Every structure is written in structure tokens, then in C-alpha cells.
Amino acid sequence: MTYKVKWRDDLIDQLFAGILALRDREECYRFFEDVATIGEIKALSQRLEVARMIRAGHTYDRIVERTGVSTATISRVKRYLEYGSDGYKIILDRLEEAGELLHTEDD
């Protein structure tokens, strides 16, 4: 079954096809450096870390301390973890399977 999303269109399909065509981490760095600001890339990486830390049972205070994000961002990520489309779950599970998931000293 194909996942249905209201904001899907040909341009976004092309973008995602391009991302999926990247062959390694270096190509990802090169593409994302050209397509997004460093701030946007860092914000995405912080949100993923927030999701990982929420799943690991960390407190909001610890998440703020590690990532620097606001509690509003933490709440938003938590809401998507609980009620979203399982995008965070897919990525975190695959990173864990590949041994690529970061851990903090108190995980």
C-alpha cells in the first residue's frame, strides 16, 4: 500500500528520488550543503536526536541540555513520535540496526 500524503507532488517526488539516489554520506553532505542552509541541516539533526532521546526515556531538561532545542520543539517531536506517520521510528530503527545510532553517556 502506498503512503498517502496531501502535500505530495511531482517536484517533491523528484527531490526524494534524488535523495534516495545519493550513494554515500559524502554525497549527502555535498547535496545538503548545496540545497539547505547549515542552520536548516542542524535543525533537522537536532530533531532526530530529540526523537532518539525521547525514545530512550530522557527528560526534557536533559534533551534541552544536549540539543539546545526549545521545549516546544521537544513537545512537537514527541507528538509526531506518538501520533505521526512513523517517519522517526523508521529512521531510528534502521540507524539502530546499522549500528549508527548515537548514544549519550546516560542511555
PDB file of N, CA and C in Angstrom:
ATOM      1  N   MET A   1       0.837  -1.181   0.000  1.00  0.00           N
ATOM      2  CA  MET A   1       0.000   0.000   0.000  1.00  0.00           C
ATOM      3  C   MET A   1       0.882   1.245   0.000  1.00  0.00           C
ATOM      4  N   THR A   2       0.585   2.192  -0.841  1.00  0.00           N
ATOM      5  CA  THR A   2       1.330   3.434  -0.934  1.00  0.00           C
ATOM      6  C   THR A   2       0.867   4.398   0.146  1.00  0.00           C
ATOM      7  N   TYR A   3       1.832   5.025   0.796  1.00  0.00           N
ATOM      8  CA  TYR A   3       1.509   6.019   1.812  1.00  0.00           C
ATOM      9  C   TYR A   3       0.938   7.257   1.136  1.00  0.00           C
ATOM     10  N   LYS A   4      -0.207   7.723   1.589  1.00  0.00           N
ATOM     11  CA  LYS A   4      -0.871   8.890   1.003  1.00  0.00           C
ATOM     12  C   LYS A   4      -0.539  10.132   1.833  1.00  0.00           C
ATOM     13  N   VAL A   5      -0.142  11.188   1.153  1.00  0.00           N
ATOM     14  CA  VAL A   5       0.145  12.454   1.817  1.00  0.00           C
ATOM     15  C   VAL A   5      -0.451  13.578   0.975  1.00  0.00           C
ATOM     16  N   LYS A   6      -1.061  14.541   1.629  1.00  0.00           N
ATOM     17  CA  LYS A   6      -1.765  15.611   0.920  1.00  0.00           C
ATOM     18  C   LYS A   6      -0.817  16.554   0.193  1.00  0.00           C
ATOM     19  N   TRP A   7       0.383  16.736   0.696  1.00  0.00           N
ATOM     20  CA  TRP A   7       1.300  17.706   0.094  1.00  0.00           C
ATOM     21  C   TRP A   7       2.228  17.091  -0.946  1.00  0.00           C
ATOM     22  N   ARG A   8       1.999  15.857  -1.303  1.00  0.00           N
ATOM     23  CA  ARG A   8       2.815  15.188  -2.319  1.00  0.00           C
ATOM     24  C   ARG A   8       2.598  15.817  -3.691  1.00  0.00           C
ATOM     25  N   ASP A   9       3.698  16.012  -4.425  1.00  0.00           N
ATOM     26  CA  ASP A   9       3.604  16.477  -5.800  1.00  0.00           C
ATOM     27  C   ASP A   9       4.841  16.018  -6.569  1.00  0.00           C
ATOM     28  N   ASP A  10       4.880  16.313  -7.871  1.00  0.00           N
ATOM     29  CA  ASP A  10       5.963  15.844  -8.738  1.00  0.00           C
ATOM     30  C   ASP A  10       7.326  16.397  -8.318  1.00  0.00           C
ATOM     31  N   LEU A  11       7.372  17.655  -7.900  1.00  0.00           N
ATOM     32  CA  LEU A  11       8.651  18.256  -7.507  1.00  0.00           C
ATOM     33  C   LEU A  11       9.214  17.613  -6.246  1.00  0.00           C
ATOM     34  N   ILE A  12       8.338  17.331  -5.288  1.00  0.00           N
ATOM     35  CA  ILE A  12       8.788  16.673  -4.051  1.00  0.00           C
ATOM     36  C   ILE A  12       9.188  15.235  -4.350  1.00  0.00           C
ATOM     37  N   ASP A  13       8.444  14.552  -5.216  1.00  0.00           N
ATOM     38  CA  ASP A  13       8.835  13.205  -5.635  1.00  0.00           C
ATOM     39  C   ASP A  13      10.239  13.222  -6.251  1.00  0.00           C
ATOM     40  N   GLN A  14      10.500  14.221  -7.089  1.00  0.00           N
ATOM     41  CA  GLN A  14      11.821  14.340  -7.708  1.00  0.00           C
ATOM     42  C   GLN A  14      12.906  14.580  -6.648  1.00  0.00           C
ATOM     43  N   LEU A  15      12.631  15.443  -5.680  1.00  0.00           N
ATOM     44  CA  LEU A  15      13.590  15.695  -4.604  1.00  0.00           C
ATOM     45  C   LEU A  15      13.896  14.408  -3.843  1.00  0.00           C
ATOM     46  N   PHE A  16      12.871  13.686  -3.450  1.00  0.00           N
ATOM     47  CA  PHE A  16      13.075  12.460  -2.683  1.00  0.00           C
ATOM     48  C   PHE A  16      13.780  11.391  -3.508  1.00  0.00           C
ATOM     49  N   ALA A  17      13.467  11.308  -4.792  1.00  0.00           N
ATOM     50  CA  ALA A  17      14.177  10.372  -5.669  1.00  0.00           C
ATOM     51  C   ALA A  17      15.656  10.733  -5.724  1.00  0.00           C
ATOM     52  N   GLY A  18      15.938  12.025  -5.779  1.00  0.00           N
ATOM     53  CA  GLY A  18      17.331  12.465  -5.773  1.00  0.00           C
ATOM     54  C   GLY A  18      18.048  12.106  -4.484  1.00  0.00           C
ATOM     55  N   ILE A  19      17.383  12.302  -3.363  1.00  0.00           N
ATOM     56  CA  ILE A  19      17.980  11.946  -2.071  1.00  0.00           C
ATOM     57  C   ILE A  19      18.241  10.446  -2.012  1.00  0.00           C
ATOM     58  N   LEU A  20      17.283   9.660  -2.457  1.00  0.00           N
ATOM     59  CA  LEU A  20      17.461   8.208  -2.453  1.00  0.00           C
ATOM     60  C   LEU A  20      18.555   7.751  -3.417  1.00  0.00           C
ATOM     61  N   ALA A  21      18.890   8.572  -4.405  1.00  0.00           N
ATOM     62  CA  ALA A  21      19.939   8.229  -5.370  1.00  0.00           C
ATOM     63  C   ALA A  21      21.346   8.516  -4.839  1.00  0.00           C
ATOM     64  N   LEU A  22      21.442   9.250  -3.734  1.00  0.00           N
ATOM     65  CA  LEU A  22      22.765   9.522  -3.159  1.00  0.00           C
ATOM     66  C   LEU A  22      23.383   8.213  -2.694  1.00  0.00           C
ATOM     67  N   ARG A  23      24.664   8.036  -2.960  1.00  0.00           N
ATOM     68  CA  ARG A  23      25.299   6.738  -2.727  1.00  0.00           C
ATOM     69  C   ARG A  23      25.988   6.591  -1.384  1.00  0.00           C
ATOM     70  N   ASP A  24      26.393   7.703  -0.775  1.00  0.00           N
ATOM     71  CA  ASP A  24      27.109   7.586   0.498  1.00  0.00           C
ATOM     72  C   ASP A  24      26.998   8.884   1.291  1.00  0.00           C
ATOM     73  N   ARG A  25      27.569   8.879   2.470  1.00  0.00           N
ATOM     74  CA  ARG A  25      27.483  10.016   3.370  1.00  0.00           C
ATOM     75  C   ARG A  25      28.117  11.268   2.759  1.00  0.00           C
ATOM     76  N   GLU A  26      29.243  11.112   2.068  1.00  0.00           N
ATOM     77  CA  GLU A  26      29.889  12.268   1.454  1.00  0.00           C
ATOM     78  C   GLU A  26      28.967  12.924   0.432  1.00  0.00           C
ATOM     79  N   GLU A  27      28.288  12.120  -0.392  1.00  0.00           N
ATOM     80  CA  GLU A  27      27.347  12.689  -1.353  1.00  0.00           C
ATOM     81  C   GLU A  27      26.198  13.404  -0.641  1.00  0.00           C
ATOM     82  N   CYS A  28      25.770  12.867   0.496  1.00  0.00           N
ATOM     83  CA  CYS A  28      24.719  13.529   1.289  1.00  0.00           C
ATOM     84  C   CYS A  28      25.202  14.898   1.763  1.00  0.00           C
ATOM     85  N   TYR A  29      26.415  14.936   2.301  1.00  0.00           N
ATOM     86  CA  TYR A  29      26.957  16.223   2.742  1.00  0.00           C
ATOM     87  C   TYR A  29      27.000  17.216   1.589  1.00  0.00           C
ATOM     88  N   ARG A  30      27.466  16.768   0.443  1.00  0.00           N
ATOM     89  CA  ARG A  30      27.599  17.661  -0.712  1.00  0.00           C
ATOM     90  C   ARG A  30      26.242  18.190  -1.169  1.00  0.00           C
ATOM     91  N   PHE A  31      25.257  17.289  -1.273  1.00  0.00           N
ATOM     92  CA  PHE A  31      23.933  17.700  -1.721  1.00  0.00           C
ATOM     93  C   PHE A  31      23.287  18.645  -0.713  1.00  0.00           C
ATOM     94  N   PHE A  32      23.252  18.240   0.556  1.00  0.00           N
ATOM     95  CA  PHE A  32      22.557  19.057   1.547  1.00  0.00           C
ATOM     96  C   PHE A  32      23.239  20.404   1.764  1.00  0.00           C
ATOM     97  N   GLU A  33      24.546  20.470   1.613  1.00  0.00           N
ATOM     98  CA  GLU A  33      25.231  21.757   1.710  1.00  0.00           C
ATOM     99  C   GLU A  33      24.775  22.694   0.596  1.00  0.00           C
ATOM    100  N   ASP A  34      24.478  22.148  -0.569  1.00  0.00           N
ATOM    101  CA  ASP A  34      24.012  22.959  -1.691  1.00  0.00           C
ATOM    102  C   ASP A  34      22.525  23.310  -1.593  1.00  0.00           C
ATOM    103  N   VAL A  35      21.720  22.453  -1.006  1.00  0.00           N
ATOM    104  CA  VAL A  35      20.268  22.631  -1.057  1.00  0.00           C
ATOM    105  C   VAL A  35      19.697  23.296   0.200  1.00  0.00           C
ATOM    106  N   ALA A  36      20.407  23.265   1.304  1.00  0.00           N
ATOM    107  CA  ALA A  36      19.880  23.809   2.561  1.00  0.00           C
ATOM    108  C   ALA A  36      20.960  24.604   3.283  1.00  0.00           C
ATOM    109  N   THR A  37      20.517  25.464   4.174  1.00  0.00           N
ATOM    110  CA  THR A  37      21.487  26.191   4.993  1.00  0.00           C
ATOM    111  C   THR A  37      22.030  25.259   6.070  1.00  0.00           C
ATOM    112  N   ILE A  38      23.169  25.612   6.612  1.00  0.00           N
ATOM    113  CA  ILE A  38      23.731  24.820   7.701  1.00  0.00           C
ATOM    114  C   ILE A  38      22.763  24.810   8.885  1.00  0.00           C
ATOM    115  N   GLY A  39      22.106  25.936   9.138  1.00  0.00           N
ATOM    116  CA  GLY A  39      21.125  26.008  10.220  1.00  0.00           C
ATOM    117  C   GLY A  39      19.961  25.049  10.020  1.00  0.00           C
ATOM    118  N   GLU A  40      19.474  24.944   8.784  1.00  0.00           N
ATOM    119  CA  GLU A  40      18.378  24.012   8.492  1.00  0.00           C
ATOM    120  C   GLU A  40      18.819  22.571   8.691  1.00  0.00           C
ATOM    121  N   ILE A  41      20.012  22.250   8.247  1.00  0.00           N
ATOM    122  CA  ILE A  41      20.533  20.887   8.407  1.00  0.00           C
ATOM    123  C   ILE A  41      20.708  20.561   9.889  1.00  0.00           C
ATOM    124  N   LYS A  42      21.260  21.511  10.634  1.00  0.00           N
ATOM    125  CA  LYS A  42      21.442  21.291  12.077  1.00  0.00           C
ATOM    126  C   LYS A  42      20.105  21.128  12.782  1.00  0.00           C
ATOM    127  N   ALA A  43      19.103  21.912  12.385  1.00  0.00           N
ATOM    128  CA  ALA A  43      17.773  21.792  12.998  1.00  0.00           C
ATOM    129  C   ALA A  43      17.185  20.407  12.756  1.00  0.00           C
ATOM    130  N   LEU A  44      17.341  19.878  11.544  1.00  0.00           N
ATOM    131  CA  LEU A  44      16.854  18.528  11.251  1.00  0.00           C
ATOM    132  C   LEU A  44      17.579  17.489  12.099  1.00  0.00           C
ATOM    133  N   SER A  45      18.899  17.643  12.218  1.00  0.00           N
ATOM    134  CA  SER A  45      19.669  16.672  13.002  1.00  0.00           C
ATOM    135  C   SER A  45      19.300  16.755  14.479  1.00  0.00           C
ATOM    136  N   GLN A  46      19.024  17.969  14.966  1.00  0.00           N
ATOM    137  CA  GLN A  46      18.607  18.118  16.360  1.00  0.00           C
ATOM    138  C   GLN A  46      17.269  17.431  16.606  1.00  0.00           C
ATOM    139  N   ARG A  47      16.341  17.585  15.683  1.00  0.00           N
ATOM    140  CA  ARG A  47      15.025  16.944  15.847  1.00  0.00           C
ATOM    141  C   ARG A  47      15.145  15.425  15.884  1.00  0.00           C
ATOM    142  N   LEU A  48      16.018  14.886  15.051  1.00  0.00           N
ATOM    143  CA  LEU A  48      16.232  13.440  15.079  1.00  0.00           C
ATOM    144  C   LEU A  48      16.825  13.015  16.422  1.00  0.00           C
ATOM    145  N   GLU A  49      17.762  13.791  16.937  1.00  0.00           N
ATOM    146  CA  GLU A  49      18.349  13.478  18.247  1.00  0.00           C
ATOM    147  C   GLU A  49      17.310  13.606  19.353  1.00  0.00           C
ATOM    148  N   VAL A  50      16.428  14.588  19.263  1.00  0.00           N
ATOM    149  CA  VAL A  50      15.338  14.717  20.233  1.00  0.00           C
ATOM    150  C   VAL A  50      14.476  13.458  20.205  1.00  0.00           C
ATOM    151  N   ALA A  51      14.132  12.994  19.018  1.00  0.00           N
ATOM    152  CA  ALA A  51      13.318  11.779  18.898  1.00  0.00           C
ATOM    153  C   ALA A  51      14.040  10.585  19.515  1.00  0.00           C
ATOM    154  N   ARG A  52      15.329  10.454  19.245  1.00  0.00           N
ATOM    155  CA  ARG A  52      16.100   9.352  19.816  1.00  0.00           C
ATOM    156  C   ARG A  52      16.098   9.424  21.336  1.00  0.00           C
ATOM    157  N   MET A  53      16.306  10.622  21.865  1.00  0.00           N
ATOM    158  CA  MET A  53      16.370  10.785  23.319  1.00  0.00           C
ATOM    159  C   MET A  53      15.017  10.559  23.983  1.00  0.00           C
ATOM    160  N   ILE A  54      13.943  10.987  23.333  1.00  0.00           N
ATOM    161  CA  ILE A  54      12.603  10.712  23.874  1.00  0.00           C
ATOM    162  C   ILE A  54      12.384   9.208  23.945  1.00  0.00           C
ATOM    163  N   ARG A  55      12.716   8.503  22.876  1.00  0.00           N
ATOM    164  CA  ARG A  55      12.557   7.039  22.870  1.00  0.00           C
ATOM    165  C   ARG A  55      13.404   6.378  23.939  1.00  0.00           C
ATOM    166  N   ALA A  56      14.554   6.977  24.243  1.00  0.00           N
ATOM    167  CA  ALA A  56      15.449   6.415  25.263  1.00  0.00           C
ATOM    168  C   ALA A  56      15.016   6.789  26.681  1.00  0.00           C
ATOM    169  N   GLY A  57      13.964   7.622  26.796  1.00  0.00           N
ATOM    170  CA  GLY A  57      13.412   7.947  28.106  1.00  0.00           C
ATOM    171  C   GLY A  57      14.035   9.140  28.802  1.00  0.00           C
ATOM    172  N   HIS A  58      14.732   9.992  28.079  1.00  0.00           N
ATOM    173  CA  HIS A  58      15.356  11.163  28.679  1.00  0.00           C
ATOM    174  C   HIS A  58      14.318  12.219  29.048  1.00  0.00           C
ATOM    175  N   THR A  59      14.636  13.017  30.040  1.00  0.00           N
ATOM    176  CA  THR A  59      13.771  14.115  30.455  1.00  0.00           C
ATOM    177  C   THR A  59      13.925  15.290  29.490  1.00  0.00           C
ATOM    178  N   TYR A  60      12.939  16.168  29.514  1.00  0.00           N
ATOM    179  CA  TYR A  60      13.017  17.378  28.694  1.00  0.00           C
ATOM    180  C   TYR A  60      14.270  18.179  29.046  1.00  0.00           C
ATOM    181  N   ASP A  61      14.564  18.295  30.346  1.00  0.00           N
ATOM    182  CA  ASP A  61      15.750  19.068  30.757  1.00  0.00           C
ATOM    183  C   ASP A  61      17.018  18.503  30.141  1.00  0.00           C
ATOM    184  N   ARG A  62      17.160  17.196  30.156  1.00  0.00           N
ATOM    185  CA  ARG A  62      18.358  16.571  29.586  1.00  0.00           C
ATOM    186  C   ARG A  62      18.403  16.771  28.073  1.00  0.00           C
ATOM    187  N   ILE A  63      17.254  16.691  27.422  1.00  0.00           N
ATOM    188  CA  ILE A  63      17.204  16.883  25.966  1.00  0.00           C
ATOM    189  C   ILE A  63      17.588  18.317  25.606  1.00  0.00           C
ATOM    190  N   VAL A  64      17.067  19.286  26.357  1.00  0.00           N
ATOM    191  CA  VAL A  64      17.426  20.694  26.123  1.00  0.00           C
ATOM    192  C   VAL A  64      18.922  20.883  26.326  1.00  0.00           C
ATOM    193  N   GLU A  65      19.454  20.293  27.388  1.00  0.00           N
ATOM    194  CA  GLU A  65      20.887  20.417  27.696  1.00  0.00           C
ATOM    195  C   GLU A  65      21.749  19.869  26.561  1.00  0.00           C
ATOM    196  N   ARG A  66      21.375  18.720  26.008  1.00  0.00           N
ATOM    197  CA  ARG A  66      22.179  18.088  24.961  1.00  0.00           C
ATOM    198  C   ARG A  66      22.010  18.750  23.598  1.00  0.00           C
ATOM    199  N   THR A  67      20.770  19.125  23.255  1.00  0.00           N
ATOM    200  CA  THR A  67      20.499  19.578  21.892  1.00  0.00           C
ATOM    201  C   THR A  67      20.364  21.088  21.743  1.00  0.00           C
ATOM    202  N   GLY A  68      19.968  21.758  22.814  1.00  0.00           N
ATOM    203  CA  GLY A  68      19.746  23.197  22.733  1.00  0.00           C
ATOM    204  C   GLY A  68      18.415  23.593  22.139  1.00  0.00           C
ATOM    205  N   VAL A  69      17.542  22.631  21.873  1.00  0.00           N
ATOM    206  CA  VAL A  69      16.234  22.960  21.299  1.00  0.00           C
ATOM    207  C   VAL A  69      15.294  23.437  22.399  1.00  0.00           C
ATOM    208  N   SER A  70      14.201  24.063  21.991  1.00  0.00           N
ATOM    209  CA  SER A  70      13.206  24.540  22.945  1.00  0.00           C
ATOM    210  C   SER A  70      12.314  23.379  23.400  1.00  0.00           C
ATOM    211  N   THR A  71      11.635  23.589  24.512  1.00  0.00           N
ATOM    212  CA  THR A  71      10.692  22.570  24.970  1.00  0.00           C
ATOM    213  C   THR A  71       9.527  22.443  23.991  1.00  0.00           C
ATOM    214  N   ALA A  72       9.213  23.518  23.273  1.00  0.00           N
ATOM    215  CA  ALA A  72       8.157  23.440  22.251  1.00  0.00           C
ATOM    216  C   ALA A  72       8.561  22.473  21.135  1.00  0.00           C
ATOM    217  N   THR A  73       9.834  22.509  20.739  1.00  0.00           N
ATOM    218  CA  THR A  73      10.324  21.573  19.716  1.00  0.00           C
ATOM    219  C   THR A  73      10.266  20.148  20.239  1.00  0.00           C
ATOM    220  N   ILE A  74      10.655  19.952  21.483  1.00  0.00           N
ATOM    221  CA  ILE A  74      10.597  18.613  22.083  1.00  0.00           C
ATOM    222  C   ILE A  74       9.158  18.106  22.085  1.00  0.00           C
ATOM    223  N   SER A  75       8.220  18.953  22.491  1.00  0.00           N
ATOM    224  CA  SER A  75       6.799  18.561  22.506  1.00  0.00           C
ATOM    225  C   SER A  75       6.305  18.202  21.121  1.00  0.00           C
ATOM    226  N   ARG A  76       6.730  18.981  20.120  1.00  0.00           N
ATOM    227  CA  ARG A  76       6.304  18.717  18.738  1.00  0.00           C
ATOM    228  C   ARG A  76       6.840  17.371  18.261  1.00  0.00           C
ATOM    229  N   VAL A  77       8.118  17.121  18.526  1.00  0.00           N
ATOM    230  CA  VAL A  77       8.711  15.843  18.119  1.00  0.00           C
ATOM    231  C   VAL A  77       8.019  14.694  18.845  1.00  0.00           C
ATOM    232  N   LYS A  78       7.764  14.873  20.121  1.00  0.00           N
ATOM    233  CA  LYS A  78       7.082  13.827  20.897  1.00  0.00           C
ATOM    234  C   LYS A  78       5.703  13.528  20.312  1.00  0.00           C
ATOM    235  N   ARG A  79       5.002  14.580  19.927  1.00  0.00           N
ATOM    236  CA  ARG A  79       3.668  14.399  19.329  1.00  0.00           C
ATOM    237  C   ARG A  79       3.763  13.593  18.034  1.00  0.00           C
ATOM    238  N   TYR A  80       4.778  13.902  17.205  1.00  0.00           N
ATOM    239  CA  TYR A  80       4.941  13.143  15.955  1.00  0.00           C
ATOM    240  C   TYR A  80       5.372  11.713  16.224  1.00  0.00           C
ATOM    241  N   LEU A  81       6.161  11.495  17.259  1.00  0.00           N
ATOM    242  CA  LEU A  81       6.529  10.121  17.620  1.00  0.00           C
ATOM    243  C   LEU A  81       5.298   9.317  18.009  1.00  0.00           C
ATOM    244  N   GLU A  82       4.393   9.958  18.721  1.00  0.00           N
ATOM    245  CA  GLU A  82       3.205   9.258  19.213  1.00  0.00           C
ATOM    246  C   GLU A  82       2.084   9.162  18.183  1.00  0.00           C
ATOM    247  N   TYR A  83       1.891  10.227  17.397  1.00  0.00           N
ATOM    248  CA  TYR A  83       0.711  10.300  16.531  1.00  0.00           C
ATOM    249  C   TYR A  83       1.036  10.549  15.064  1.00  0.00           C
ATOM    250  N   GLY A  84       2.294  10.595  14.709  1.00  0.00           N
ATOM    251  CA  GLY A  84       2.697  10.923  13.345  1.00  0.00           C
ATOM    252  C   GLY A  84       2.664   9.728  12.414  1.00  0.00           C
ATOM    253  N   SER A  85       3.440   9.810  11.367  1.00  0.00           N
ATOM    254  CA  SER A  85       3.446   8.805  10.294  1.00  0.00           C
ATOM    255  C   SER A  85       4.535   7.751  10.449  1.00  0.00           C
ATOM    256  N   ASP A  86       5.153   7.677  11.615  1.00  0.00           N
ATOM    257  CA  ASP A  86       6.218   6.712  11.938  1.00  0.00           C
ATOM    258  C   ASP A  86       7.521   6.983  11.196  1.00  0.00           C
ATOM    259  N   GLY A  87       7.691   8.193  10.664  1.00  0.00           N
ATOM    260  CA  GLY A  87       8.943   8.527   9.989  1.00  0.00           C
ATOM    261  C   GLY A  87      10.145   8.469  10.921  1.00  0.00           C
ATOM    262  N   TYR A  88      10.005   9.051  12.107  1.00  0.00           N
ATOM    263  CA  TYR A  88      11.104   8.976  13.079  1.00  0.00           C
ATOM    264  C   TYR A  88      11.394   7.524  13.445  1.00  0.00           C
ATOM    265  N   LYS A  89      10.354   6.739  13.670  1.00  0.00           N
ATOM    266  CA  LYS A  89      10.534   5.336  14.047  1.00  0.00           C
ATOM    267  C   LYS A  89      11.303   4.572  12.975  1.00  0.00           C
ATOM    268  N   ILE A  90      10.948   4.775  11.729  1.00  0.00           N
ATOM    269  CA  ILE A  90      11.627   4.087  10.623  1.00  0.00           C
ATOM    270  C   ILE A  90      13.120   4.406  10.631  1.00  0.00           C
ATOM    271  N   ILE A  91      13.433   5.691  10.701  1.00  0.00           N
ATOM    272  CA  ILE A  91      14.839   6.108  10.674  1.00  0.00           C
ATOM    273  C   ILE A  91      15.590   5.607  11.898  1.00  0.00           C
ATOM    274  N   LEU A  92      15.015   5.791  13.075  1.00  0.00           N
ATOM    275  CA  LEU A  92      15.710   5.373  14.299  1.00  0.00           C
ATOM    276  C   LEU A  92      15.918   3.858  14.333  1.00  0.00           C
ATOM    277  N   ASP A  93      14.920   3.100  13.927  1.00  0.00           N
ATOM    278  CA  ASP A  93      15.066   1.640  13.890  1.00  0.00           C
ATOM    279  C   ASP A  93      16.172   1.226  12.918  1.00  0.00           C
ATOM    280  N   ARG A  94      16.209   1.855  11.761  1.00  0.00           N
ATOM    281  CA  ARG A  94      17.234   1.490  10.768  1.00  0.00           C
ATOM    282  C   ARG A  94      18.624   1.921  11.198  1.00  0.00           C
ATOM    283  N   LEU A  95      18.722   3.078  11.824  1.00  0.00           N
ATOM    284  CA  LEU A  95      20.027   3.503  12.352  1.00  0.00           C
ATOM    285  C   LEU A  95      20.507   2.546  13.441  1.00  0.00           C
ATOM    286  N   GLU A  96      19.585   2.114  14.267  1.00  0.00           N
ATOM    287  CA  GLU A  96      19.936   1.168  15.327  1.00  0.00           C
ATOM    288  C   GLU A  96      20.397  -0.166  14.726  1.00  0.00           C
ATOM    289  N   GLU A  97      19.661  -0.663  13.747  1.00  0.00           N
ATOM    290  CA  GLU A  97      20.040  -1.918  13.080  1.00  0.00           C
ATOM    291  C   GLU A  97      21.425  -1.827  12.449  1.00  0.00           C
ATOM    292  N   ALA A  98      21.760  -0.654  11.908  1.00  0.00           N
ATOM    293  CA  ALA A  98      23.048  -0.457  11.234  1.00  0.00           C
ATOM    294  C   ALA A  98      24.165  -0.077  12.207  1.00  0.00           C
ATOM    295  N   GLY A  99      23.845   0.047  13.479  1.00  0.00           N
ATOM    296  CA  GLY A  99      24.856   0.437  14.459  1.00  0.00           C
ATOM    297  C   GLY A  99      25.278   1.893  14.328  1.00  0.00           C
ATOM    298  N   GLU A 100      24.416   2.723  13.752  1.00  0.00           N
ATOM    299  CA  GLU A 100      24.722   4.134  13.503  1.00  0.00           C
ATOM    300  C   GLU A 100      24.016   5.075  14.478  1.00  0.00           C
ATOM    301  N   LEU A 101      23.268   4.543  15.427  1.00  0.00           N
ATOM    302  CA  LEU A 101      22.516   5.363  16.352  1.00  0.00           C
ATOM    303  C   LEU A 101      23.430   5.873  17.448  1.00  0.00           C
ATOM    304  N   LEU A 102      23.436   7.176  17.662  1.00  0.00           N
ATOM    305  CA  LEU A 102      24.246   7.771  18.723  1.00  0.00           C
ATOM    306  C   LEU A 102      23.661   7.418  20.078  1.00  0.00           C
ATOM    307  N   HIS A 103      24.505   7.437  21.080  1.00  0.00           N
ATOM    308  CA  HIS A 103      24.057   7.232  22.453  1.00  0.00           C
ATOM    309  C   HIS A 103      24.773   8.236  23.336  1.00  0.00           C
ATOM    310  N   THR A 104      24.085   8.689  24.374  1.00  0.00           N
ATOM    311  CA  THR A 104      24.713   9.557  25.355  1.00  0.00           C
ATOM    312  C   THR A 104      25.186   8.697  26.507  1.00  0.00           C
ATOM    313  N   GLU A 105      25.992   9.289  27.356  1.00  0.00           N
ATOM    314  CA  GLU A 105      26.557   8.532  28.480  1.00  0.00           C
ATOM    315  C   GLU A 105      25.488   8.015  29.437  1.00  0.00           C
ATOM    316  N   ASP A 106      24.303   8.623  29.425  1.00  0.00           N
ATOM    317  CA  ASP A 106      23.258   8.176  30.352  1.00  0.00           C
ATOM    318  C   ASP A 106      22.138   7.404  29.669  1.00  0.00           C
ATOM    319  N   ASP A 107      22.398   6.855  28.491  1.00  0.00           N
ATOM    320  CA  ASP A 107      21.410   5.997  27.822  1.00  0.00           C
ATOM    321  C   ASP A 107      21.396   4.629  28.478  1.00  0.00           C
TER     322      ASP A 107
END
